[in-house]
Amino acid sequence: MNVYQSIVITGANGMLGHALTDALHARNLKPILLPRAQCDLANEAHVKSIFDHRPTLLLNCAAHTRVDQCEQEADLANRVNGLAVGQMAALCREHRTTLVHVSTDFVFNGRGTKPYTIDEPVAPLSAYGKSKLLGETELQKNAPPTWLIIRTAWVYGRHGANFPRTMITVARAGKPLAVVCDQVGAPTYTVDLADGILALLDKQASGIFHITNSGQTNWCDFAKASLAEFGIDHPVSAITSADWEKQKPSAAARPRYSVLDLSRIEQTTGTKMRPWQEALSAFHKEVETAGGF
């Protein structure tokens, strides 16, 4: 990692931006942090201004991630999640900057029954998924000498809104919890995601990689596990995706199955991704150390 004289993080105020910053600080590296206010990917001039910092490594954590909102804002999603990534990649190629871009399980249609490998056909269901696939395509079309596309899923961490935090907040307020039980995936703790990205950079890897915690669960069981981990006794009722779609008819389609195959990152780095249950416990410890939510 010390080969990078200037490291820039876009989307620095997000969950992963914070985790990458912490991981780099632990290595005595001080990245340049560009939150959305300073670098809005919807603005072409903002993207160009990234290179005023002469980055040798650009970690792009910025995205339009409000999945349902993307259905009404498809053009904006395509710009931020797609075309801006292509612009960024072309500038990285020009400046010989290593680019790391974060993508998603939403590029798959969710009809699979075994973990998706990196080269399986993509077929996003939603405007969000389509915009993220556009970003992958644009990056590869304009690829710099070294690049990483990191597909991940069900991301949570101490900073910002995320699923475990929402479940805990709702339960503590004594409100009812009804959670979808027929969507299967692998939760991903931002600390492990950040560590995985840096491990790939240490190996000077390039290409598409999947990074999540290992194992799989569904949203309902993830909610129950989150409450149990934090010592909260609160009922969680299971509903189907069809039930949810009736309640939220304008919601974007979600993949029913989005477990990602981890063999490439594990073979490249020589490290196994820890089970999602262990990661959830580590998340709890981090939250408690920081004084809670």
Protein backbone atom coordinates (compact mmCIF):
# COMPACT_ATOMS: atom_id res chain seq x y z
CA MET A 1 0.00 0.00 0.00
CA ASN A 2 2.87 2.38 0.62
CA VAL A 3 3.47 2.51 -3.14
CA TYR A 4 0.53 4.92 -3.37
CA GLN A 5 1.75 8.45 -2.73
CA SER A 6 -1.73 10.00 -2.89
CA ILE A 7 -4.91 8.11 -2.00
CA VAL A 8 -8.31 9.71 -2.62
CA ILE A 9 -11.63 8.38 -1.31
CA THR A 10 -14.86 9.60 -2.91
CA GLY A 11 -18.05 9.10 -0.91
CA ALA A 12 -15.82 9.48 2.15
CA ASN A 13 -18.73 10.13 4.54
CA GLY A 14 -20.44 6.84 3.72
CA MET A 15 -20.21 3.55 5.59
CA LEU A 16 -17.45 2.09 3.45
CA GLY A 17 -15.65 5.42 3.11
CA HIS A 18 -15.33 5.57 6.90
CA ALA A 19 -14.15 1.95 7.13
CA LEU A 20 -11.52 2.43 4.42
CA THR A 21 -10.31 5.61 6.10
CA ASP A 22 -9.92 3.77 9.41
CA ALA A 23 -8.12 0.86 7.72
CA LEU A 24 -5.69 3.21 5.97
CA HIS A 25 -5.05 5.20 9.15
CA ALA A 26 -4.17 1.90 10.84
CA ARG A 27 -1.42 1.59 8.22
CA ASN A 28 -0.26 5.17 8.90
CA LEU A 29 -1.66 6.32 5.57
CA LYS A 30 -3.71 9.51 5.33
CA PRO A 31 -6.14 9.50 2.42
CA ILE A 32 -7.67 12.65 0.95
CA LEU A 33 -11.36 12.50 1.83
CA LEU A 34 -13.92 13.79 -0.66
CA PRO A 35 -17.49 13.67 0.66
CA ARG A 36 -20.40 14.35 -1.67
CA ALA A 37 -20.38 18.09 -0.89
CA GLN A 38 -16.90 18.31 -2.42
CA CYS A 39 -17.29 15.65 -5.07
CA ASP A 40 -20.79 15.08 -6.43
CA LEU A 41 -20.49 12.53 -9.23
CA ALA A 42 -23.52 14.09 -10.92
CA ASN A 43 -21.23 17.04 -11.70
CA GLU A 44 -18.63 16.39 -14.42
CA ALA A 45 -16.47 19.26 -13.16
CA HIS A 46 -16.38 17.68 -9.70
CA VAL A 47 -15.15 14.41 -11.18
CA LYS A 48 -12.39 16.23 -13.06
CA SER A 49 -11.40 18.06 -9.87
CA ILE A 50 -10.54 14.75 -8.18
CA PHE A 51 -7.35 14.78 -10.19
CA ASP A 52 -6.27 18.15 -8.78
CA HIS A 53 -5.10 15.94 -5.90
CA ARG A 54 -2.95 13.83 -8.27
CA PRO A 55 -4.16 10.50 -6.87
CA THR A 56 -2.15 7.37 -7.52
CA LEU A 57 -5.02 5.38 -5.98
CA LEU A 58 -8.69 6.34 -6.25
CA LEU A 59 -11.20 4.49 -4.07
CA ASN A 60 -14.66 5.25 -5.43
CA CYS A 61 -17.22 4.69 -2.67
CA ALA A 62 -19.65 7.31 -3.99
CA ALA A 63 -22.98 6.12 -5.42
CA HIS A 64 -26.70 6.75 -5.64
CA THR A 65 -27.70 3.87 -3.35
CA ARG A 66 -31.35 4.65 -2.59
CA VAL A 67 -32.65 1.69 -4.54
CA ASP A 68 -36.34 2.65 -4.62
CA GLN A 69 -35.58 6.29 -5.37
CA CYS A 70 -33.50 5.22 -8.36
CA GLU A 71 -36.71 3.99 -10.02
CA GLN A 72 -37.92 7.60 -10.20
CA GLU A 73 -34.42 9.02 -10.78
CA ALA A 74 -33.03 6.64 -13.38
CA ASP A 75 -31.20 9.36 -15.31
CA LEU A 76 -29.48 10.60 -12.17
CA ALA A 77 -28.62 7.03 -11.12
CA ASN A 78 -27.15 6.34 -14.56
CA ARG A 79 -25.04 9.47 -14.34
CA VAL A 80 -23.74 8.90 -10.79
CA ASN A 81 -23.45 5.11 -10.83
CA GLY A 82 -22.63 4.70 -14.51
CA LEU A 83 -21.36 7.51 -16.73
CA ALA A 84 -19.37 9.22 -13.97
CA VAL A 85 -17.52 5.94 -13.38
CA GLY A 86 -16.56 5.83 -17.04
CA GLN A 87 -15.34 9.43 -16.85
CA MET A 88 -13.38 8.60 -13.71
CA ALA A 89 -11.85 5.52 -15.37
CA ALA A 90 -10.75 7.51 -18.43
CA LEU A 91 -9.08 10.09 -16.22
CA CYS A 92 -7.42 7.32 -14.19
CA ARG A 93 -6.10 5.85 -17.44
CA GLU A 94 -4.75 9.25 -18.48
CA HIS A 95 -3.04 9.77 -15.11
CA ARG A 96 -2.08 6.08 -14.62
CA THR A 97 -4.10 5.98 -11.41
CA THR A 98 -5.26 2.70 -9.87
CA LEU A 99 -9.07 2.71 -9.61
CA VAL A 100 -11.20 0.74 -7.16
CA HIS A 101 -14.93 0.91 -7.81
CA VAL A 102 -17.64 -0.66 -5.64
CA SER A 103 -20.50 -2.46 -7.37
CA THR A 104 -23.34 -4.67 -6.19
CA ASP A 105 -25.16 -8.00 -6.18
CA PHE A 106 -28.02 -6.16 -7.91
CA VAL A 107 -26.30 -6.72 -11.28
CA PHE A 108 -27.67 -10.29 -11.09
CA ASN A 109 -31.35 -11.23 -11.53
CA GLY A 110 -31.56 -13.29 -8.33
CA ARG A 111 -32.89 -16.42 -10.00
CA GLY A 112 -29.76 -18.41 -9.19
CA THR A 113 -29.57 -21.21 -6.65
CA LYS A 114 -25.82 -21.28 -5.96
CA PRO A 115 -23.33 -18.47 -5.29
CA TYR A 116 -22.77 -16.25 -8.32
CA THR A 117 -19.26 -16.42 -9.79
CA ILE A 118 -17.70 -13.29 -11.27
CA ASP A 119 -18.27 -14.41 -14.87
CA GLU A 120 -21.92 -15.46 -14.64
CA PRO A 121 -24.38 -13.58 -16.87
CA VAL A 122 -25.65 -10.29 -15.46
CA ALA A 123 -29.29 -9.23 -15.79
CA PRO A 124 -30.28 -6.49 -13.33
CA LEU A 125 -33.95 -6.13 -12.40
CA SER A 126 -34.01 -2.54 -11.16
CA ALA A 127 -32.95 0.92 -12.27
CA TYR A 128 -30.33 0.83 -9.51
CA GLY A 129 -28.94 -2.50 -10.70
CA LYS A 130 -28.90 -1.30 -14.31
CA SER A 131 -27.05 1.88 -13.34
CA LYS A 132 -24.43 -0.10 -11.40
CA LEU A 133 -23.95 -2.46 -14.34
CA LEU A 134 -23.50 0.58 -16.56
CA GLY A 135 -20.71 1.69 -14.20
CA GLU A 136 -19.00 -1.70 -14.53
CA THR A 137 -19.28 -1.53 -18.33
CA GLU A 138 -18.06 2.05 -18.58
CA LEU A 139 -15.09 1.35 -16.31
CA GLN A 140 -13.96 -1.62 -18.38
CA LYS A 141 -14.44 0.35 -21.60
CA ASN A 142 -12.14 3.11 -20.28
CA ALA A 143 -9.99 0.95 -18.00
CA PRO A 144 -6.75 2.24 -16.49
CA PRO A 145 -3.77 -0.15 -16.26
CA THR A 146 -4.87 -1.42 -12.82
CA TRP A 147 -8.47 -1.51 -11.66
CA LEU A 148 -10.80 -3.36 -9.34
CA ILE A 149 -14.56 -3.77 -9.51
CA ILE A 150 -15.74 -4.98 -6.10
CA ARG A 151 -19.21 -6.50 -6.06
CA THR A 152 -20.64 -6.67 -2.57
CA ALA A 153 -24.04 -7.04 -0.90
CA TRP A 154 -26.11 -6.28 2.21
CA VAL A 155 -23.53 -3.83 3.53
CA TYR A 156 -23.69 -2.48 7.08
CA GLY A 157 -21.33 -0.64 9.41
CA ARG A 158 -21.20 1.74 12.34
CA HIS A 159 -21.55 4.92 10.29
CA GLY A 160 -24.81 5.81 8.59
CA ALA A 161 -28.16 4.12 8.08
CA ASN A 162 -28.07 0.35 7.64
CA PHE A 163 -30.22 -2.71 8.23
CA PRO A 164 -29.09 -3.87 11.70
CA ARG A 165 -29.20 -0.32 13.02
CA THR A 166 -32.72 0.18 11.66
CA MET A 167 -33.94 -3.09 13.19
CA ILE A 168 -32.43 -2.20 16.57
CA THR A 169 -33.88 1.34 16.49
CA VAL A 170 -37.38 0.12 15.59
CA ALA A 171 -37.29 -2.63 18.22
CA ARG A 172 -36.11 -0.26 20.95
CA ALA A 173 -39.02 2.02 20.06
CA GLY A 174 -41.38 -0.92 20.63
CA LYS A 175 -42.71 -0.84 17.08
CA PRO A 176 -43.71 -3.98 15.16
CA LEU A 177 -41.15 -5.59 12.87
CA ALA A 178 -42.20 -7.53 9.77
CA VAL A 179 -39.28 -8.55 7.58
CA VAL A 180 -38.98 -10.37 4.26
CA CYS A 181 -38.00 -14.02 4.65
CA ASP A 182 -37.60 -15.19 1.04
CA GLN A 183 -34.66 -13.05 -0.11
CA VAL A 184 -31.33 -14.79 0.53
CA GLY A 185 -27.91 -13.16 0.65
CA ALA A 186 -24.74 -12.64 2.63
CA PRO A 187 -24.44 -9.65 5.00
CA THR A 188 -21.21 -7.67 4.66
CA TYR A 189 -19.53 -5.78 7.51
CA THR A 190 -17.75 -2.68 6.20
CA VAL A 191 -14.61 -3.42 8.22
CA ASP A 192 -14.21 -6.78 6.46
CA LEU A 193 -15.06 -5.25 3.08
CA ALA A 194 -12.40 -2.55 3.55
CA ASP A 195 -9.83 -5.12 4.68
CA GLY A 196 -10.62 -7.27 1.65
CA ILE A 197 -10.12 -4.34 -0.73
CA LEU A 198 -6.76 -3.44 0.81
CA ALA A 199 -5.67 -7.09 0.72
CA LEU A 200 -6.34 -7.15 -3.03
CA LEU A 201 -4.36 -3.94 -3.49
CA ASP A 202 -1.51 -5.48 -1.49
CA LYS A 203 -1.49 -8.31 -4.05
CA GLN A 204 -1.63 -5.80 -6.94
CA ALA A 205 -4.75 -7.61 -8.16
CA SER A 206 -6.84 -6.33 -11.05
CA GLY A 207 -10.30 -7.24 -12.34
CA ILE A 208 -13.69 -8.13 -10.86
CA PHE A 209 -13.92 -9.57 -7.35
CA HIS A 210 -16.78 -10.48 -5.02
CA ILE A 211 -16.43 -9.53 -1.35
CA THR A 212 -19.00 -10.35 1.34
CA ASN A 213 -18.82 -12.19 4.62
CA SER A 214 -19.20 -15.93 4.20
CA GLY A 215 -22.37 -17.94 4.65
CA GLN A 216 -25.91 -16.89 3.85
CA THR A 217 -29.16 -15.90 5.52
CA ASN A 218 -32.42 -14.12 4.77
CA TRP A 219 -33.48 -10.64 5.86
CA CYS A 220 -35.84 -11.92 8.57
CA ASP A 221 -33.21 -14.15 10.18
CA PHE A 222 -30.63 -11.37 9.84
CA ALA A 223 -33.01 -9.08 11.74
CA LYS A 224 -33.47 -11.69 14.48
CA ALA A 225 -29.72 -12.28 14.72
CA SER A 226 -29.06 -8.53 14.96
CA LEU A 227 -31.52 -8.12 17.83
CA ALA A 228 -30.18 -11.19 19.63
CA GLU A 229 -26.60 -9.96 19.26
CA PHE A 230 -27.55 -6.66 20.92
CA GLY A 231 -29.57 -8.40 23.64
CA ILE A 232 -32.94 -7.10 22.48
CA ASP A 233 -36.01 -9.31 23.00
CA HIS A 234 -38.49 -8.22 20.38
CA PRO A 235 -40.70 -10.27 18.03
CA VAL A 236 -39.95 -10.29 14.31
CA SER A 237 -42.63 -11.61 11.97
CA ALA A 238 -41.78 -13.10 8.60
CA ILE A 239 -43.41 -11.84 5.41
CA THR A 240 -42.87 -12.74 1.75
CA SER A 241 -41.58 -10.50 -1.00
CA ALA A 242 -45.10 -10.57 -2.44
CA ASP A 243 -46.45 -9.23 0.87
CA TRP A 244 -43.86 -6.44 0.82
CA GLU A 245 -44.64 -5.56 -2.80
CA LYS A 246 -48.33 -5.16 -1.90
CA GLN A 247 -47.36 -2.74 0.89
CA LYS A 248 -44.82 -0.90 -1.28
CA PRO A 249 -46.01 -1.17 -4.91
CA SER A 250 -43.49 1.43 -6.12
CA ALA A 251 -40.51 -0.38 -4.57
CA ALA A 252 -37.75 -1.60 -6.87
CA ALA A 253 -37.47 -5.31 -7.60
CA ARG A 254 -34.89 -7.06 -5.40
CA PRO A 255 -32.92 -10.21 -6.24
CA ARG A 256 -34.45 -13.21 -4.42
CA TYR A 257 -31.03 -14.90 -4.26
CA SER A 258 -27.82 -12.87 -4.28
CA VAL A 259 -25.13 -14.91 -2.57
CA LEU A 260 -21.77 -14.14 -4.22
CA ASP A 261 -19.02 -16.69 -4.80
CA LEU A 262 -15.92 -15.71 -2.80
CA SER A 263 -13.41 -18.14 -4.28
CA ARG A 264 -11.51 -15.56 -6.32
CA ILE A 265 -10.76 -13.16 -3.45
CA GLU A 266 -9.95 -16.02 -1.08
CA GLN A 267 -7.56 -17.62 -3.57
CA THR A 268 -5.95 -14.29 -4.47
CA THR A 269 -5.40 -13.07 -0.91
CA GLY A 270 -4.99 -16.46 0.78
CA THR A 271 -7.52 -15.41 3.44
CA LYS A 272 -11.00 -16.76 4.13
CA MET A 273 -13.80 -14.25 4.63
CA ARG A 274 -15.17 -14.70 8.15
CA PRO A 275 -18.75 -15.91 8.64
CA TRP A 276 -21.40 -13.21 8.76
CA GLN A 277 -22.34 -14.20 12.32
CA GLU A 278 -18.79 -13.50 13.57
CA ALA A 279 -18.76 -10.21 11.68
CA LEU A 280 -22.04 -9.20 13.33
CA SER A 281 -20.48 -9.81 16.74
CA ALA A 282 -17.48 -7.67 15.76
CA PHE A 283 -19.88 -4.94 14.65
CA HIS A 284 -21.57 -5.07 18.05
CA LYS A 285 -18.23 -4.68 19.80
CA GLU A 286 -17.31 -1.72 17.58
CA VAL A 287 -20.63 -0.01 18.32
CA GLU A 288 -20.31 -0.57 22.07
CA THR A 289 -16.69 0.67 22.08
CA ALA A 290 -17.87 3.83 20.34
CA GLY A 291 -20.58 4.40 22.95
CA GLY A 292 -23.51 2.86 21.10
CA PHE A 293 -25.78 4.21 18.38
